Amino acid sequence: MKLLLLAASLALLVVPGMALRCFKCAVSTSICVSRVTCDENELCYSRNRTALGVTVYSSGCTEKTKCGQEVTDTVAGISYTMMTNCCDVDYCNSAAGLQLSLLSLAPALIAWVTRIL
């Protein structure tokens, strides 16, 4: 019985690990809900930046060599330079800390609707 348990434990060590899974979205101000599975040489990444009061972010899989590098993306004619932050645990790039809070958007939305009416 002990030998069977030992063999099963060793088999678990030999089985290839599962691929890293991450949240994915293009440069956007919307909430990220898409998911992606990374290739062997990739890690999860997240980027965020605020300019002119608007926070944009992106996330997904990136090559390990791009971690810690700055990239520049353009959204609605505004260029954002963002640092690529990487992590190596499933869904570690959650945009929860990067997203605009819906509560913070409420006053702006009310002001906009009031102006239209």
C-alpha atoms as a PDB file:
ATOM      1  CA  MET A   1       0.000   0.000   0.000  1.00  0.00           C
ATOM      2  CA  LYS A   2       2.828   2.404   0.884  1.00  0.00           C
ATOM      3  CA  LEU A   3       4.528   1.566  -2.397  1.00  0.00           C
ATOM      4  CA  LEU A   4       1.340   2.358  -4.335  1.00  0.00           C
ATOM      5  CA  LEU A   5       0.999   5.704  -2.531  1.00  0.00           C
ATOM      6  CA  LEU A   6       4.633   6.541  -3.268  1.00  0.00           C
ATOM      7  CA  ALA A   7       4.214   5.638  -6.957  1.00  0.00           C
ATOM      8  CA  ALA A   8       1.078   7.814  -7.240  1.00  0.00           C
ATOM      9  CA  SER A   9       2.867  10.741  -5.591  1.00  0.00           C
ATOM     10  CA  LEU A  10       5.817  10.432  -7.973  1.00  0.00           C
ATOM     11  CA  ALA A  11       3.470  10.244 -10.963  1.00  0.00           C
ATOM     12  CA  LEU A  12       1.977  13.589  -9.959  1.00  0.00           C
ATOM     13  CA  LEU A  13       5.440  15.131 -10.092  1.00  0.00           C
ATOM     14  CA  VAL A  14       6.015  13.853 -13.630  1.00  0.00           C
ATOM     15  CA  VAL A  15       2.658  14.969 -15.070  1.00  0.00           C
ATOM     16  CA  PRO A  16       3.118  18.232 -16.967  1.00  0.00           C
ATOM     17  CA  GLY A  17       1.668  21.251 -15.214  1.00  0.00           C
ATOM     18  CA  MET A  18      -1.386  23.024 -16.480  1.00  0.00           C
ATOM     19  CA  ALA A  19      -0.901  26.170 -18.500  1.00  0.00           C
ATOM     20  CA  LEU A  20      -1.210  29.544 -16.804  1.00  0.00           C
ATOM     21  CA  ARG A  21      -4.654  31.163 -17.138  1.00  0.00           C
ATOM     22  CA  CYS A  22      -5.140  34.938 -17.150  1.00  0.00           C
ATOM     23  CA  PHE A  23      -7.727  37.642 -17.604  1.00  0.00           C
ATOM     24  CA  LYS A  24      -7.494  39.313 -21.021  1.00  0.00           C
ATOM     25  CA  CYS A  25      -8.625  42.619 -22.475  1.00  0.00           C
ATOM     26  CA  ALA A  26      -7.285  45.067 -25.016  1.00  0.00           C
ATOM     27  CA  VAL A  27      -6.459  48.618 -23.977  1.00  0.00           C
ATOM     28  CA  SER A  28      -9.797  49.768 -22.644  1.00  0.00           C
ATOM     29  CA  THR A  29     -11.663  51.568 -19.908  1.00  0.00           C
ATOM     30  CA  SER A  30     -14.184  48.738 -19.592  1.00  0.00           C
ATOM     31  CA  ILE A  31     -14.168  45.834 -17.164  1.00  0.00           C
ATOM     32  CA  CYS A  32     -12.133  42.768 -18.144  1.00  0.00           C
ATOM     33  CA  VAL A  33     -14.038  39.482 -18.126  1.00  0.00           C
ATOM     34  CA  SER A  34     -12.420  37.516 -20.972  1.00  0.00           C
ATOM     35  CA  ARG A  35      -9.994  34.743 -20.125  1.00  0.00           C
ATOM     36  CA  VAL A  36      -7.025  33.300 -21.968  1.00  0.00           C
ATOM     37  CA  THR A  37      -4.538  30.437 -21.532  1.00  0.00           C
ATOM     38  CA  CYS A  38      -0.891  31.395 -21.876  1.00  0.00           C
ATOM     39  CA  ASP A  39       1.774  29.594 -23.879  1.00  0.00           C
ATOM     40  CA  GLU A  40       4.698  27.956 -22.113  1.00  0.00           C
ATOM     41  CA  ASN A  41       7.024  30.994 -22.364  1.00  0.00           C
ATOM     42  CA  GLU A  42       4.384  33.519 -21.226  1.00  0.00           C
ATOM     43  CA  LEU A  43       3.176  35.061 -17.968  1.00  0.00           C
ATOM     44  CA  CYS A  44       0.038  36.981 -17.042  1.00  0.00           C
ATOM     45  CA  TYR A  45       0.437  40.738 -17.332  1.00  0.00           C
ATOM     46  CA  SER A  46      -1.502  43.843 -16.445  1.00  0.00           C
ATOM     47  CA  ARG A  47      -0.961  47.491 -17.333  1.00  0.00           C
ATOM     48  CA  ASN A  48      -2.797  50.610 -16.260  1.00  0.00           C
ATOM     49  CA  ARG A  49      -2.430  54.338 -16.585  1.00  0.00           C
ATOM     50  CA  THR A  50      -4.558  57.407 -15.890  1.00  0.00           C
ATOM     51  CA  ALA A  51      -4.476  60.455 -18.153  1.00  0.00           C
ATOM     52  CA  LEU A  52      -6.915  63.338 -18.285  1.00  0.00           C
ATOM     53  CA  GLY A  53      -8.953  61.649 -15.559  1.00  0.00           C
ATOM     54  CA  VAL A  54      -9.503  58.452 -17.539  1.00  0.00           C
ATOM     55  CA  THR A  55      -7.934  55.165 -16.468  1.00  0.00           C
ATOM     56  CA  VAL A  56      -7.137  52.646 -19.163  1.00  0.00           C
ATOM     57  CA  TYR A  57      -5.796  49.169 -18.678  1.00  0.00           C
ATOM     58  CA  SER A  58      -4.930  46.033 -20.560  1.00  0.00           C
ATOM     59  CA  SER A  59      -4.182  42.498 -19.498  1.00  0.00           C
ATOM     60  CA  GLY A  60      -3.514  39.046 -20.891  1.00  0.00           C
ATOM     61  CA  CYS A  61      -0.458  36.899 -21.600  1.00  0.00           C
ATOM     62  CA  THR A  62       2.923  38.239 -22.630  1.00  0.00           C
ATOM     63  CA  GLU A  63       6.379  36.848 -23.243  1.00  0.00           C
ATOM     64  CA  LYS A  64       8.453  36.677 -20.066  1.00  0.00           C
ATOM     65  CA  THR A  65      11.064  38.967 -21.647  1.00  0.00           C
ATOM     66  CA  LYS A  66       8.511  41.819 -21.889  1.00  0.00           C
ATOM     67  CA  CYS A  67       7.847  41.913 -18.133  1.00  0.00           C
ATOM     68  CA  GLY A  68       8.949  45.174 -16.535  1.00  0.00           C
ATOM     69  CA  GLN A  69       9.041  46.930 -19.922  1.00  0.00           C
ATOM     70  CA  GLU A  70       7.123  50.095 -20.800  1.00  0.00           C
ATOM     71  CA  VAL A  71       4.738  50.121 -23.758  1.00  0.00           C
ATOM     72  CA  THR A  72       2.811  52.973 -25.352  1.00  0.00           C
ATOM     73  CA  ASP A  73      -0.775  52.480 -26.508  1.00  0.00           C
ATOM     74  CA  THR A  74      -3.212  55.018 -27.909  1.00  0.00           C
ATOM     75  CA  VAL A  75      -6.903  55.172 -26.988  1.00  0.00           C
ATOM     76  CA  ALA A  76      -9.209  57.835 -28.433  1.00  0.00           C
ATOM     77  CA  GLY A  77      -6.221  59.849 -29.624  1.00  0.00           C
ATOM     78  CA  ILE A  78      -4.524  59.885 -26.187  1.00  0.00           C
ATOM     79  CA  SER A  79      -1.188  58.071 -25.799  1.00  0.00           C
ATOM     80  CA  TYR A  80      -0.640  56.114 -22.615  1.00  0.00           C
ATOM     81  CA  THR A  81       2.786  54.842 -21.550  1.00  0.00           C
ATOM     82  CA  MET A  82       2.281  51.848 -19.284  1.00  0.00           C
ATOM     83  CA  MET A  83       4.574  49.497 -17.360  1.00  0.00           C
ATOM     84  CA  THR A  84       4.080  45.771 -17.989  1.00  0.00           C
ATOM     85  CA  ASN A  85       3.551  44.109 -14.597  1.00  0.00           C
ATOM     86  CA  CYS A  86       3.742  40.308 -14.700  1.00  0.00           C
ATOM     87  CA  CYS A  87       2.693  37.505 -12.364  1.00  0.00           C
ATOM     88  CA  ASP A  88       2.668  33.719 -12.527  1.00  0.00           C
ATOM     89  CA  VAL A  89      -0.439  32.439 -10.729  1.00  0.00           C
ATOM     90  CA  ASP A  90      -3.783  31.708 -12.419  1.00  0.00           C
ATOM     91  CA  TYR A  91      -5.831  34.912 -12.823  1.00  0.00           C
ATOM     92  CA  CYS A  92      -3.278  36.929 -10.846  1.00  0.00           C
ATOM     93  CA  ASN A  93      -3.724  39.838 -13.270  1.00  0.00           C
ATOM     94  CA  SER A  94      -7.223  40.583 -12.083  1.00  0.00           C
ATOM     95  CA  ALA A  95      -8.178  44.066 -13.138  1.00  0.00           C
ATOM     96  CA  ALA A  96     -10.109  44.594  -9.908  1.00  0.00           C
ATOM     97  CA  GLY A  97      -7.471  46.966  -8.609  1.00  0.00           C
ATOM     98  CA  LEU A  98      -7.133  48.689 -11.958  1.00  0.00           C
ATOM     99  CA  GLN A  99     -10.729  49.212 -12.982  1.00  0.00           C
ATOM    100  CA  LEU A 100     -12.689  52.359 -12.550  1.00  0.00           C
ATOM    101  CA  SER A 101     -15.128  51.907  -9.740  1.00  0.00           C
ATOM    102  CA  LEU A 102     -18.720  52.128 -10.893  1.00  0.00           C
ATOM    103  CA  LEU A 103     -19.392  54.266  -7.834  1.00  0.00           C
ATOM    104  CA  SER A 104     -16.746  56.751  -8.939  1.00  0.00           C
ATOM    105  CA  LEU A 105     -18.417  56.957 -12.345  1.00  0.00           C
ATOM    106  CA  ALA A 106     -21.884  57.637 -10.904  1.00  0.00           C
ATOM    107  CA  PRO A 107     -21.403  61.395 -10.239  1.00  0.00           C
ATOM    108  CA  ALA A 108     -19.993  61.948 -13.737  1.00  0.00           C
ATOM    109  CA  LEU A 109     -22.844  59.995 -15.309  1.00  0.00           C
ATOM    110  CA  ILE A 110     -25.463  61.945 -13.327  1.00  0.00           C
ATOM    111  CA  ALA A 111     -23.847  65.246 -14.332  1.00  0.00           C
ATOM    112  CA  TRP A 112     -23.773  64.209 -17.981  1.00  0.00           C
ATOM    113  CA  VAL A 113     -27.416  63.062 -17.999  1.00  0.00           C
ATOM    114  CA  THR A 114     -28.504  66.249 -16.197  1.00  0.00           C
ATOM    115  CA  ARG A 115     -26.734  68.390 -18.794  1.00  0.00           C
ATOM    116  CA  ILE A 116     -28.491  66.572 -21.652  1.00  0.00           C
ATOM    117  CA  LEU A 117     -31.951  66.919 -20.119  1.00  0.00           C
END
